[in-house]
Amino acid sequence: MGIISTIIGGAVIGALARLIKPGSDPMGWILTILVGIGGAYVGSLIFPTSGFLKFIVAIVASVVLLFVYDAIFKKKT
């Protein structure tokens, strides 16, 4: 059950982060899940807490990861 809950949590956190971040994000659902999982992991390393605050920190960390993703993989036109 741990892997399934990680995937579902990553999908929720990644989707919320994509809704919060301005601009379009042309990425698929797999990358959205990976960004959500990465944000939850990075957020738990930076600010270890529990409860609702942990969820908020994971979303904020995912938004930061989306900005990093855009900076690295942005197409130069």
Protein backbone atom coordinates (compact mmCIF):
# COMPACT_ATOMS: atom_id res chain seq x y z
CA MET A 1 0.00 0.00 0.00
CA GLY A 2 2.98 2.33 0.44
CA ILE A 3 3.79 2.67 -3.26
CA ILE A 4 0.18 3.25 -4.26
CA SER A 5 -0.32 5.91 -1.61
CA THR A 6 2.93 7.59 -2.66
CA ILE A 7 1.75 7.73 -6.28
CA ILE A 8 -1.68 9.06 -5.33
CA GLY A 9 -0.20 11.63 -2.95
CA GLY A 10 2.32 12.70 -5.59
CA ALA A 11 -0.45 13.10 -8.14
CA VAL A 12 -2.50 15.30 -5.79
CA ILE A 13 0.46 17.42 -4.70
CA GLY A 14 1.79 17.75 -8.26
CA ALA A 15 -1.62 18.71 -9.65
CA LEU A 16 -2.13 21.35 -6.96
CA ALA A 17 1.35 22.73 -7.59
CA ARG A 18 0.61 23.01 -11.30
CA LEU A 19 -2.63 24.85 -10.53
CA ILE A 20 -0.83 27.32 -8.27
CA LYS A 21 2.12 28.04 -10.58
CA PRO A 22 1.29 30.63 -13.26
CA GLY A 23 1.78 29.83 -16.93
CA SER A 24 1.33 26.67 -18.91
CA ASP A 25 3.15 23.48 -18.04
CA PRO A 26 3.25 21.14 -21.05
CA MET A 27 4.05 18.01 -19.05
CA GLY A 28 2.21 14.75 -18.73
CA TRP A 29 0.66 13.09 -15.72
CA ILE A 30 3.72 10.92 -15.02
CA LEU A 31 5.98 13.96 -14.71
CA THR A 32 3.31 15.65 -12.58
CA ILE A 33 3.37 12.68 -10.19
CA LEU A 34 7.18 12.72 -10.09
CA VAL A 35 7.23 16.46 -9.33
CA GLY A 36 4.69 15.90 -6.54
CA ILE A 37 6.69 13.05 -5.03
CA GLY A 38 9.91 15.05 -5.35
CA GLY A 39 8.29 18.07 -3.74
CA ALA A 40 7.03 15.99 -0.83
CA TYR A 41 10.48 14.50 -0.34
CA VAL A 42 12.35 17.80 -0.57
CA GLY A 43 9.78 19.49 1.65
CA SER A 44 10.13 16.82 4.31
CA LEU A 45 13.92 17.20 4.26
CA ILE A 46 13.82 20.98 4.58
CA PHE A 47 10.98 21.31 7.07
CA PRO A 48 10.23 18.06 8.93
CA THR A 49 6.79 18.38 10.46
CA SER A 50 3.51 16.51 10.45
CA GLY A 51 -0.13 17.09 9.67
CA PHE A 52 -1.60 19.71 7.39
CA LEU A 53 1.53 21.86 7.47
CA LYS A 54 3.50 19.00 5.89
CA PHE A 55 1.02 18.96 3.00
CA ILE A 56 1.40 22.72 2.48
CA VAL A 57 5.22 22.51 2.58
CA ALA A 58 5.12 19.68 0.01
CA ILE A 59 3.01 21.82 -2.34
CA VAL A 60 5.32 24.82 -1.96
CA ALA A 61 8.38 22.63 -2.62
CA SER A 62 6.64 21.20 -5.71
CA VAL A 63 5.98 24.69 -7.03
CA VAL A 64 9.67 25.49 -6.57
CA LEU A 65 10.55 22.28 -8.43
CA LEU A 66 8.25 23.35 -11.28
CA PHE A 67 10.14 26.65 -11.55
CA VAL A 68 13.43 24.74 -11.58
CA TYR A 69 12.06 22.40 -14.26
CA ASP A 70 11.04 25.39 -16.38
CA ALA A 71 14.45 27.00 -15.97
CA ILE A 72 16.27 23.84 -17.04
CA PHE A 73 14.03 22.58 -19.84
CA LYS A 74 12.53 25.80 -21.19
CA LYS A 75 12.67 25.97 -24.97
CA LYS A 76 14.72 28.85 -26.29
CA THR A 77 12.69 30.53 -29.04
